Amino acid sequence: MIVMNASDAHEFDQAASAHERDEAFMREALKEARQAAVEAEVPIGAVVVHNGEIISRAHNRRETDANPSAHAEFTAMLEAARKLGRWRLSGCTVYVTLEPCAMCAGLMVNARIDRCVYGAADPKGGALGTLYDLSCDERLNHSFDLTAGVMAEESAELLRSFFKERRKR
């Protein structure tokens, strides 16, 4: 049996509800990732949240758009900036199914996001903890909060399935 005082119980409730919120928004990013797979794109999805609402969503479109910068989170941040009418994305959290690369993490720094939540780690290109960590590099002019591993298995399984199917062809 676990015994908590009222203050600890309140903090536990807040942490539980924050985790539930993160999972709910990550489920939306996973919907975008599934759409990418339908379009024969690498299944990565992202949503940007401001004041508790999704203000933009995107999935990978590099092949479709013949655009090397058409990563899910990059595109979602551009759309969020358009909707907010400003380049600074302070007050925003970016949810993405795969750990961002250096380009996307760099945009997060430059856009001044408050937080990034990602699903699966990227051992080949992850720039928010795996190969580098641009979220808290003291040499940069901005840092942001980071939560890794939210719905990581679901995110990783989408990628594994996609590449397994692609190799069959």
Protein backbone atom coordinates (compact mmCIF):
# COMPACT_ATOMS: atom_id res chain seq x y z
CA MET A 1 0.00 0.00 0.00
CA ILE A 2 1.28 3.48 -0.92
CA VAL A 3 0.58 6.34 1.47
CA MET A 4 0.83 9.94 0.21
CA ASN A 5 0.20 13.25 1.85
CA ALA A 6 -2.21 15.65 0.12
CA SER A 7 0.57 17.58 -1.62
CA ASP A 8 2.17 14.40 -3.00
CA ALA A 9 -1.23 13.11 -4.14
CA HIS A 10 -1.91 16.39 -5.98
CA GLU A 11 1.49 16.22 -7.72
CA PHE A 12 0.82 12.58 -8.65
CA ASP A 13 -2.59 13.51 -10.11
CA GLN A 14 -1.02 16.35 -12.11
CA ALA A 15 1.70 14.05 -13.45
CA ALA A 16 -0.86 11.38 -14.37
CA SER A 17 -3.07 13.88 -16.18
CA ALA A 18 -0.05 15.40 -17.99
CA HIS A 19 0.95 11.92 -19.14
CA GLU A 20 -2.62 11.24 -20.31
CA ARG A 21 -2.60 14.54 -22.24
CA ASP A 22 0.73 13.65 -23.83
CA GLU A 23 -0.63 10.27 -24.91
CA ALA A 24 -3.79 11.84 -26.35
CA PHE A 25 -1.79 14.28 -28.46
CA MET A 26 0.67 11.54 -29.47
CA ARG A 27 -2.27 9.45 -30.70
CA GLU A 28 -3.07 12.35 -33.04
CA ALA A 29 0.54 12.41 -34.26
CA LEU A 30 0.28 8.65 -34.85
CA LYS A 31 -2.82 9.25 -37.03
CA GLU A 32 -0.68 11.55 -39.15
CA ALA A 33 2.07 8.92 -39.30
CA ARG A 34 -0.41 6.33 -40.55
CA GLN A 35 -1.54 8.76 -43.25
CA ALA A 36 2.09 9.15 -44.34
CA ALA A 37 2.33 5.36 -44.76
CA VAL A 38 -0.82 5.36 -46.89
CA GLU A 39 0.91 7.91 -49.14
CA ALA A 40 4.06 5.72 -49.32
CA GLU A 41 5.96 8.18 -47.14
CA VAL A 42 8.03 7.19 -44.10
CA PRO A 43 5.38 7.04 -41.33
CA ILE A 44 6.21 9.97 -39.10
CA GLY A 45 3.54 12.35 -37.86
CA ALA A 46 3.45 15.50 -35.78
CA VAL A 47 1.06 17.92 -34.15
CA VAL A 48 1.70 21.33 -32.59
CA VAL A 49 -0.32 22.20 -29.49
CA HIS A 50 -0.94 25.74 -28.20
CA ASN A 51 -3.16 26.49 -25.19
CA GLY A 52 -4.25 22.87 -25.03
CA GLU A 53 -5.43 22.73 -28.67
CA ILE A 54 -3.90 21.26 -31.80
CA ILE A 55 -3.17 24.19 -34.08
CA SER A 56 -1.39 22.26 -36.82
CA ARG A 57 -0.72 18.72 -37.91
CA ALA A 58 1.44 17.16 -40.59
CA HIS A 59 3.14 14.00 -41.75
CA ASN A 60 6.23 13.31 -43.81
CA ARG A 61 5.89 14.42 -47.45
CA ARG A 62 9.47 14.40 -48.72
CA GLU A 63 8.75 12.03 -51.60
CA THR A 64 5.41 13.59 -52.55
CA ASP A 65 6.70 17.16 -52.48
CA ALA A 66 10.27 16.36 -53.61
CA ASN A 67 11.32 18.50 -50.65
CA PRO A 68 14.12 17.45 -48.29
CA SER A 69 12.70 19.67 -45.53
CA ALA A 70 9.18 18.19 -45.64
CA HIS A 71 9.57 16.37 -42.34
CA ALA A 72 6.39 16.04 -40.26
CA GLU A 73 7.45 18.31 -37.39
CA PHE A 74 9.09 20.89 -39.66
CA THR A 75 5.92 21.23 -41.74
CA ALA A 76 3.70 21.32 -38.63
CA MET A 77 5.82 24.10 -37.11
CA LEU A 78 5.64 26.17 -40.31
CA GLU A 79 1.85 25.83 -40.33
CA ALA A 80 1.66 26.71 -36.61
CA ALA A 81 3.67 29.88 -37.25
CA ARG A 82 1.29 30.83 -40.08
CA LYS A 83 -1.76 30.25 -37.88
CA LEU A 84 -0.32 32.22 -34.97
CA GLY A 85 0.95 34.96 -37.27
CA ARG A 86 4.41 34.90 -35.72
CA TRP A 87 7.67 33.00 -36.10
CA ARG A 88 8.13 32.50 -32.36
CA LEU A 89 6.33 29.38 -31.25
CA SER A 90 6.64 30.14 -27.56
CA GLY A 91 3.75 28.55 -25.71
CA CYS A 92 3.77 25.59 -28.11
CA THR A 93 4.53 21.91 -27.66
CA VAL A 94 5.53 19.79 -30.65
CA TYR A 95 4.49 16.12 -30.55
CA VAL A 96 6.27 13.88 -33.05
CA THR A 97 6.36 10.12 -33.41
CA LEU A 98 10.13 9.88 -34.05
CA GLU A 99 12.94 11.75 -32.33
CA PRO A 100 13.69 14.85 -34.42
CA CYS A 101 16.79 15.11 -36.59
CA ALA A 102 19.28 17.98 -36.34
CA MET A 103 17.36 20.08 -38.90
CA CYS A 104 14.05 19.77 -37.06
CA ALA A 105 15.58 20.13 -33.59
CA GLY A 106 17.39 23.22 -34.86
CA LEU A 107 14.09 24.67 -36.04
CA MET A 108 12.63 23.98 -32.60
CA VAL A 109 15.46 25.98 -31.04
CA ASN A 110 15.06 28.83 -33.54
CA ALA A 111 11.26 28.86 -33.23
CA ARG A 112 11.57 29.05 -29.43
CA ILE A 113 9.15 26.18 -28.69
CA ASP A 114 8.43 25.44 -25.03
CA ARG A 115 8.52 21.67 -25.27
CA CYS A 116 8.92 18.64 -27.53
CA VAL A 117 7.40 15.24 -26.87
CA TYR A 118 8.53 12.37 -29.06
CA GLY A 119 7.78 8.67 -29.38
CA ALA A 120 10.57 6.44 -30.67
CA ALA A 121 14.26 7.30 -30.38
CA ASP A 122 16.21 7.57 -33.65
CA PRO A 123 19.58 5.81 -33.36
CA LYS A 124 20.68 7.06 -36.79
CA GLY A 125 19.70 10.70 -36.62
CA GLY A 126 18.20 11.65 -33.26
CA ALA A 127 19.20 15.14 -32.17
CA LEU A 128 17.22 15.32 -28.92
CA GLY A 129 19.19 12.88 -26.83
CA THR A 130 20.38 9.99 -28.96
CA LEU A 131 23.24 11.41 -31.03
CA TYR A 132 23.07 15.01 -29.79
CA ASP A 133 20.75 17.00 -27.57
CA LEU A 134 19.93 20.35 -29.09
CA SER A 135 17.13 20.91 -26.56
CA CYS A 136 19.59 21.92 -23.85
CA ASP A 137 22.89 22.76 -25.54
CA GLU A 138 24.30 25.70 -23.57
CA ARG A 139 25.95 27.08 -26.70
CA LEU A 140 22.56 27.77 -28.27
CA ASN A 141 20.32 30.75 -27.56
CA HIS A 142 17.25 28.75 -26.47
CA SER A 143 16.48 25.55 -24.63
CA PHE A 144 13.22 23.70 -24.25
CA ASP A 145 11.68 20.93 -22.18
CA LEU A 146 11.77 17.43 -23.57
CA THR A 147 9.74 14.29 -22.92
CA ALA A 148 10.94 11.18 -24.73
CA GLY A 149 9.38 7.76 -25.18
CA VAL A 150 5.66 8.61 -25.17
CA MET A 151 3.98 5.74 -27.03
CA ALA A 152 7.43 4.73 -28.23
CA GLU A 153 6.52 1.14 -29.06
CA GLU A 154 3.56 2.13 -31.24
CA SER A 155 5.70 4.69 -33.04
CA ALA A 156 8.56 2.23 -33.59
CA GLU A 157 6.21 -0.54 -34.76
CA LEU A 158 4.77 1.73 -37.47
CA LEU A 159 8.27 2.34 -38.79
CA ARG A 160 9.31 -1.34 -38.55
CA SER A 161 6.19 -2.48 -40.40
CA PHE A 162 6.62 0.15 -43.09
CA PHE A 163 10.23 -0.78 -43.82
CA LYS A 164 9.53 -4.53 -43.60
CA GLU A 165 6.81 -4.13 -46.24
CA ARG A 166 9.05 -1.92 -48.37
CA ARG A 167 11.84 -4.53 -48.30
CA LYS A 168 9.38 -7.21 -49.50
CA ARG A 169 8.77 -5.19 -52.65
